[in-house]
Amino acid sequence: MNNLSIDNWISLVGISLPIIGGMLTFIVKSYSDAKKRNEELRPNVFITYKRFRKNDFFREVLVLKNYGKTTAQVKEISIQPLFHNNGNISLSDFDPNSFSSIKDLPIAPGQKIQTLIGISGANDELIIKENRHFKITYSNIFFNKTYISEYDVDETHFTVLNYLGNDDEIKVMLDKDQFSKLLAVNKDK
């Protein structure tokens, strides 16, 4: 090695630098692609509302669903303020806040879990409407990375969908009174 001339050293460095640069680029790109792929495959867990009339009863349901591509381990769900009953049905008949007691529950991709939060007569009068804050802490069971879905829902301006027909054939209509209220609210913005 001591017998190499300056021209040989320059040639060696000239050949080595592109090889080392290519290897570094390959490593960085592989890491970036793996990170992007993991994010695409991550679980996405959200709580949504389902409100509908069936057999002349107005029902309100919360739906916990994994919209992602891998299984989620739901560690904790926080709902503030908790749901409060405004009707005649006793809270001992059902627990509208059952999602708050979930701990370490696995949810497969596309799987959903529903809980009844209210049922009343022909009008929507059971659950007190508020601005509700949802915080769902969950992890990817394969990579043990923790995610948080956190958002607010203004229930006072929430649209009501009426499901007509049986559960297999669902036709969705917007309630006219709710639609008018929604239009009035959006005109003010």
C-alpha atoms as a PDB file:
ATOM      1  CA  MET A   1       0.000   0.000   0.000  1.00  0.00           C
ATOM      2  CA  ASN A   2       2.937   2.335   0.615  1.00  0.00           C
ATOM      3  CA  ASN A   3       4.024   1.948  -3.006  1.00  0.00           C
ATOM      4  CA  LEU A   4       0.870   3.586  -4.416  1.00  0.00           C
ATOM      5  CA  SER A   5       1.454   6.786  -6.270  1.00  0.00           C
ATOM      6  CA  ILE A   6      -0.647   9.909  -5.935  1.00  0.00           C
ATOM      7  CA  ASP A   7      -2.427   9.038  -9.184  1.00  0.00           C
ATOM      8  CA  ASN A   8      -3.295   5.598  -7.802  1.00  0.00           C
ATOM      9  CA  TRP A   9      -4.617   7.143  -4.564  1.00  0.00           C
ATOM     10  CA  ILE A  10      -6.736   9.600  -6.534  1.00  0.00           C
ATOM     11  CA  SER A  11      -8.104   6.750  -8.664  1.00  0.00           C
ATOM     12  CA  LEU A  12      -8.836   4.655  -5.550  1.00  0.00           C
ATOM     13  CA  VAL A  13     -10.626   7.547  -3.841  1.00  0.00           C
ATOM     14  CA  GLY A  14     -12.448   8.385  -7.093  1.00  0.00           C
ATOM     15  CA  ILE A  15     -13.772   4.823  -7.315  1.00  0.00           C
ATOM     16  CA  SER A  16     -14.503   4.461  -3.561  1.00  0.00           C
ATOM     17  CA  LEU A  17     -16.500   7.682  -3.073  1.00  0.00           C
ATOM     18  CA  PRO A  18     -19.309   6.814  -5.526  1.00  0.00           C
ATOM     19  CA  ILE A  19     -19.546   3.297  -4.079  1.00  0.00           C
ATOM     20  CA  ILE A  20     -19.726   4.620  -0.491  1.00  0.00           C
ATOM     21  CA  GLY A  21     -22.187   7.352  -1.584  1.00  0.00           C
ATOM     22  CA  GLY A  22     -24.367   4.770  -3.330  1.00  0.00           C
ATOM     23  CA  MET A  23     -24.375   2.537  -0.254  1.00  0.00           C
ATOM     24  CA  LEU A  24     -25.311   5.461   2.021  1.00  0.00           C
ATOM     25  CA  THR A  25     -28.084   6.504  -0.377  1.00  0.00           C
ATOM     26  CA  PHE A  26     -29.379   2.920  -0.460  1.00  0.00           C
ATOM     27  CA  ILE A  27     -29.405   2.712   3.354  1.00  0.00           C
ATOM     28  CA  VAL A  28     -31.176   6.080   3.794  1.00  0.00           C
ATOM     29  CA  LYS A  29     -33.740   5.260   1.070  1.00  0.00           C
ATOM     30  CA  SER A  30     -34.407   1.794   2.541  1.00  0.00           C
ATOM     31  CA  TYR A  31     -34.969   3.322   5.988  1.00  0.00           C
ATOM     32  CA  SER A  32     -37.242   6.022   4.554  1.00  0.00           C
ATOM     33  CA  ASP A  33     -39.254   3.485   2.521  1.00  0.00           C
ATOM     34  CA  ALA A  34     -39.645   1.186   5.543  1.00  0.00           C
ATOM     35  CA  LYS A  35     -40.835   4.086   7.693  1.00  0.00           C
ATOM     36  CA  LYS A  36     -43.315   5.183   5.006  1.00  0.00           C
ATOM     37  CA  ARG A  37     -44.592   1.603   4.600  1.00  0.00           C
ATOM     38  CA  ASN A  38     -45.078   1.286   8.371  1.00  0.00           C
ATOM     39  CA  GLU A  39     -47.087   4.528   8.413  1.00  0.00           C
ATOM     40  CA  GLU A  40     -49.265   3.300   5.533  1.00  0.00           C
ATOM     41  CA  LEU A  41     -49.909   0.049   7.382  1.00  0.00           C
ATOM     42  CA  ARG A  42     -50.608   1.651  10.742  1.00  0.00           C
ATOM     43  CA  PRO A  43     -53.947   1.357  12.529  1.00  0.00           C
ATOM     44  CA  ASN A  44     -56.302   4.358  12.560  1.00  0.00           C
ATOM     45  CA  VAL A  45     -58.890   4.212  15.329  1.00  0.00           C
ATOM     46  CA  PHE A  46     -61.763   6.692  15.609  1.00  0.00           C
ATOM     47  CA  ILE A  47     -65.122   6.972  17.341  1.00  0.00           C
ATOM     48  CA  THR A  48     -68.077   8.056  15.226  1.00  0.00           C
ATOM     49  CA  TYR A  49     -71.763   8.566  15.918  1.00  0.00           C
ATOM     50  CA  LYS A  50     -74.632   6.663  14.438  1.00  0.00           C
ATOM     51  CA  ARG A  51     -78.063   8.164  15.018  1.00  0.00           C
ATOM     52  CA  PHE A  52     -81.193   6.689  13.520  1.00  0.00           C
ATOM     53  CA  ARG A  53     -84.864   6.020  13.999  1.00  0.00           C
ATOM     54  CA  LYS A  54     -86.080   2.450  14.096  1.00  0.00           C
ATOM     55  CA  ASN A  55     -89.559   1.302  15.106  1.00  0.00           C
ATOM     56  CA  ASP A  56     -90.425   4.898  16.102  1.00  0.00           C
ATOM     57  CA  PHE A  57     -87.553   5.053  18.579  1.00  0.00           C
ATOM     58  CA  PHE A  58     -84.637   7.401  18.189  1.00  0.00           C
ATOM     59  CA  ARG A  59     -81.342   5.612  18.866  1.00  0.00           C
ATOM     60  CA  GLU A  60     -77.879   6.974  19.375  1.00  0.00           C
ATOM     61  CA  VAL A  61     -74.874   4.692  19.031  1.00  0.00           C
ATOM     62  CA  LEU A  62     -71.135   5.252  19.305  1.00  0.00           C
ATOM     63  CA  VAL A  63     -68.999   3.264  16.877  1.00  0.00           C
ATOM     64  CA  LEU A  64     -65.330   2.488  17.599  1.00  0.00           C
ATOM     65  CA  LYS A  65     -63.638   1.394  14.365  1.00  0.00           C
ATOM     66  CA  ASN A  66     -60.136   0.640  13.127  1.00  0.00           C
ATOM     67  CA  TYR A  67     -59.866   2.263   9.682  1.00  0.00           C
ATOM     68  CA  GLY A  68     -56.208   1.228   9.332  1.00  0.00           C
ATOM     69  CA  LYS A  69     -54.497  -1.784   7.795  1.00  0.00           C
ATOM     70  CA  THR A  70     -53.089  -3.476  10.919  1.00  0.00           C
ATOM     71  CA  THR A  71     -54.490  -4.543  14.254  1.00  0.00           C
ATOM     72  CA  ALA A  72     -54.697  -1.847  16.920  1.00  0.00           C
ATOM     73  CA  GLN A  73     -54.363  -2.391  20.652  1.00  0.00           C
ATOM     74  CA  VAL A  74     -56.679   0.225  22.202  1.00  0.00           C
ATOM     75  CA  LYS A  75     -55.038   1.209  25.473  1.00  0.00           C
ATOM     76  CA  GLU A  76     -57.411   3.910  26.701  1.00  0.00           C
ATOM     77  CA  ILE A  77     -60.391   6.001  25.623  1.00  0.00           C
ATOM     78  CA  SER A  78     -61.219   9.323  27.223  1.00  0.00           C
ATOM     79  CA  ILE A  79     -64.551  11.049  26.537  1.00  0.00           C
ATOM     80  CA  GLN A  80     -65.061  14.463  28.123  1.00  0.00           C
ATOM     81  CA  PRO A  81     -67.663  15.261  29.249  1.00  0.00           C
ATOM     82  CA  LEU A  82     -69.181  11.835  29.727  1.00  0.00           C
ATOM     83  CA  PHE A  83     -72.631  11.174  28.266  1.00  0.00           C
ATOM     84  CA  HIS A  84     -75.527  12.144  30.543  1.00  0.00           C
ATOM     85  CA  ASN A  85     -79.059  10.854  30.277  1.00  0.00           C
ATOM     86  CA  ASN A  86     -81.827  13.424  29.876  1.00  0.00           C
ATOM     87  CA  GLY A  87     -84.728  11.008  29.494  1.00  0.00           C
ATOM     88  CA  ASN A  88     -86.721   8.528  31.551  1.00  0.00           C
ATOM     89  CA  ILE A  89     -84.518   5.499  30.924  1.00  0.00           C
ATOM     90  CA  SER A  90     -82.385   4.705  33.934  1.00  0.00           C
ATOM     91  CA  LEU A  91     -78.611   4.664  33.438  1.00  0.00           C
ATOM     92  CA  SER A  92     -78.648   1.290  35.168  1.00  0.00           C
ATOM     93  CA  ASP A  93     -80.420  -0.104  32.074  1.00  0.00           C
ATOM     94  CA  PHE A  94     -77.327   0.549  29.951  1.00  0.00           C
ATOM     95  CA  ASP A  95     -73.987   2.294  30.303  1.00  0.00           C
ATOM     96  CA  PRO A  96     -73.609   5.081  27.724  1.00  0.00           C
ATOM     97  CA  ASN A  97     -69.992   5.557  28.826  1.00  0.00           C
ATOM     98  CA  SER A  98     -68.834   1.962  28.387  1.00  0.00           C
ATOM     99  CA  PHE A  99     -66.077   2.995  25.922  1.00  0.00           C
ATOM    100  CA  SER A 100     -64.339   4.843  28.761  1.00  0.00           C
ATOM    101  CA  SER A 101     -63.717   1.527  30.527  1.00  0.00           C
ATOM    102  CA  ILE A 102     -61.907  -0.078  27.560  1.00  0.00           C
ATOM    103  CA  LYS A 103     -58.324  -1.107  28.342  1.00  0.00           C
ATOM    104  CA  ASP A 104     -55.970  -3.135  26.111  1.00  0.00           C
ATOM    105  CA  LEU A 105     -58.596  -4.161  23.555  1.00  0.00           C
ATOM    106  CA  PRO A 106     -57.326  -5.468  20.192  1.00  0.00           C
ATOM    107  CA  ILE A 107     -59.299  -4.318  17.131  1.00  0.00           C
ATOM    108  CA  ALA A 108     -58.634  -5.886  13.735  1.00  0.00           C
ATOM    109  CA  PRO A 109     -58.554  -3.777  10.549  1.00  0.00           C
ATOM    110  CA  GLY A 110     -62.120  -2.865   9.568  1.00  0.00           C
ATOM    111  CA  GLN A 111     -63.548  -4.197  12.838  1.00  0.00           C
ATOM    112  CA  LYS A 112     -66.024  -2.001  14.649  1.00  0.00           C
ATOM    113  CA  ILE A 113     -67.558  -2.106  18.092  1.00  0.00           C
ATOM    114  CA  GLN A 114     -70.803  -0.312  18.872  1.00  0.00           C
ATOM    115  CA  THR A 115     -72.335   0.817  22.116  1.00  0.00           C
ATOM    116  CA  LEU A 116     -75.796   2.256  22.698  1.00  0.00           C
ATOM    117  CA  ILE A 117     -75.641   5.696  24.290  1.00  0.00           C
ATOM    118  CA  GLY A 118     -79.301   6.643  24.055  1.00  0.00           C
ATOM    119  CA  ILE A 119     -82.768   5.523  23.055  1.00  0.00           C
ATOM    120  CA  SER A 120     -85.894   7.628  23.269  1.00  0.00           C
ATOM    121  CA  GLY A 121     -89.288   8.226  21.728  1.00  0.00           C
ATOM    122  CA  ALA A 122     -89.866   9.901  18.406  1.00  0.00           C
ATOM    123  CA  ASN A 123     -87.700  12.912  19.299  1.00  0.00           C
ATOM    124  CA  ASP A 124     -84.015  13.229  19.995  1.00  0.00           C
ATOM    125  CA  GLU A 125     -84.342  14.076  23.671  1.00  0.00           C
ATOM    126  CA  LEU A 126     -82.320  11.569  25.627  1.00  0.00           C
ATOM    127  CA  ILE A 127     -78.649  12.549  25.506  1.00  0.00           C
ATOM    128  CA  ILE A 128     -77.655  16.046  26.580  1.00  0.00           C
ATOM    129  CA  LYS A 129     -75.917  17.691  23.613  1.00  0.00           C
ATOM    130  CA  GLU A 130     -72.488  19.172  24.304  1.00  0.00           C
ATOM    131  CA  ASN A 131     -69.126  19.812  22.745  1.00  0.00           C
ATOM    132  CA  ARG A 132     -67.479  16.462  23.399  1.00  0.00           C
ATOM    133  CA  HIS A 133     -63.756  15.737  23.358  1.00  0.00           C
ATOM    134  CA  PHE A 134     -62.526  12.280  22.326  1.00  0.00           C
ATOM    135  CA  LYS A 135     -59.010  10.973  22.969  1.00  0.00           C
ATOM    136  CA  ILE A 136     -58.119   7.428  21.904  1.00  0.00           C
ATOM    137  CA  THR A 137     -54.689   6.037  22.779  1.00  0.00           C
ATOM    138  CA  TYR A 138     -53.758   2.914  20.838  1.00  0.00           C
ATOM    139  CA  SER A 139     -50.720   1.091  19.522  1.00  0.00           C
ATOM    140  CA  ASN A 140     -49.691  -0.993  16.548  1.00  0.00           C
ATOM    141  CA  ILE A 141     -49.389  -4.520  17.923  1.00  0.00           C
ATOM    142  CA  PHE A 142     -46.551  -5.389  15.536  1.00  0.00           C
ATOM    143  CA  PHE A 143     -44.234  -2.405  16.123  1.00  0.00           C
ATOM    144  CA  ASN A 144     -45.459  -1.284  19.558  1.00  0.00           C
ATOM    145  CA  LYS A 145     -45.684   2.345  18.432  1.00  0.00           C
ATOM    146  CA  THR A 146     -48.292   4.414  20.271  1.00  0.00           C
ATOM    147  CA  TYR A 147     -50.723   6.710  18.433  1.00  0.00           C
ATOM    148  CA  ILE A 148     -53.313   9.178  19.711  1.00  0.00           C
ATOM    149  CA  SER A 149     -56.513  10.195  17.897  1.00  0.00           C
ATOM    150  CA  GLU A 150     -57.806  13.353  19.547  1.00  0.00           C
ATOM    151  CA  TYR A 151     -60.687  15.512  18.296  1.00  0.00           C
ATOM    152  CA  ASP A 152     -63.800  17.464  19.317  1.00  0.00           C
ATOM    153  CA  VAL A 153     -67.405  16.971  18.165  1.00  0.00           C
ATOM    154  CA  ASP A 154     -70.051  19.694  18.409  1.00  0.00           C
ATOM    155  CA  GLU A 155     -73.167  17.593  19.003  1.00  0.00           C
ATOM    156  CA  THR A 156     -75.552  20.549  18.955  1.00  0.00           C
ATOM    157  CA  HIS A 157     -75.119  20.913  15.173  1.00  0.00           C
ATOM    158  CA  PHE A 158     -74.916  17.223  14.403  1.00  0.00           C
ATOM    159  CA  THR A 159     -77.062  16.012  11.497  1.00  0.00           C
ATOM    160  CA  VAL A 160     -79.591  13.248  12.041  1.00  0.00           C
ATOM    161  CA  LEU A 161     -79.914  10.416   9.558  1.00  0.00           C
ATOM    162  CA  ASN A 162     -83.104   8.411   9.336  1.00  0.00           C
ATOM    163  CA  TYR A 163     -82.687   4.800   8.321  1.00  0.00           C
ATOM    164  CA  LEU A 164     -85.779   3.427   6.643  1.00  0.00           C
ATOM    165  CA  GLY A 165     -86.367  -0.217   5.877  1.00  0.00           C
ATOM    166  CA  ASN A 166     -84.730  -3.252   7.380  1.00  0.00           C
ATOM    167  CA  ASP A 167     -81.072  -3.488   8.394  1.00  0.00           C
ATOM    168  CA  ASP A 168     -80.131  -5.230   5.134  1.00  0.00           C
ATOM    169  CA  GLU A 169     -81.559  -2.454   2.952  1.00  0.00           C
ATOM    170  CA  ILE A 170     -80.776   0.930   4.396  1.00  0.00           C
ATOM    171  CA  LYS A 171     -81.981   4.097   2.713  1.00  0.00           C
ATOM    172  CA  VAL A 172     -80.603   7.267   4.221  1.00  0.00           C
ATOM    173  CA  MET A 173     -82.535  10.534   4.370  1.00  0.00           C
ATOM    174  CA  LEU A 174     -81.637  13.790   6.049  1.00  0.00           C
ATOM    175  CA  ASP A 175     -84.238  14.991   8.536  1.00  0.00           C
ATOM    176  CA  LYS A 176     -85.766  18.254   7.143  1.00  0.00           C
ATOM    177  CA  ASP A 177     -85.653  20.123  10.462  1.00  0.00           C
ATOM    178  CA  GLN A 178     -82.034  19.173  11.040  1.00  0.00           C
ATOM    179  CA  PHE A 179     -81.169  20.129   7.446  1.00  0.00           C
ATOM    180  CA  SER A 180     -82.753  23.577   7.910  1.00  0.00           C
ATOM    181  CA  LYS A 181     -80.827  24.123  11.154  1.00  0.00           C
ATOM    182  CA  LEU A 182     -77.603  23.006   9.487  1.00  0.00           C
ATOM    183  CA  LEU A 183     -78.145  25.443   6.600  1.00  0.00           C
ATOM    184  CA  ALA A 184     -78.826  28.287   9.037  1.00  0.00           C
ATOM    185  CA  VAL A 185     -75.630  27.546  10.958  1.00  0.00           C
ATOM    186  CA  ASN A 186     -73.520  27.352   7.793  1.00  0.00           C
ATOM    187  CA  LYS A 187     -74.910  30.678   6.488  1.00  0.00           C
ATOM    188  CA  ASP A 188     -73.552  32.416   9.591  1.00  0.00           C
ATOM    189  CA  LYS A 189     -70.007  31.206   8.890  1.00  0.00           C
END
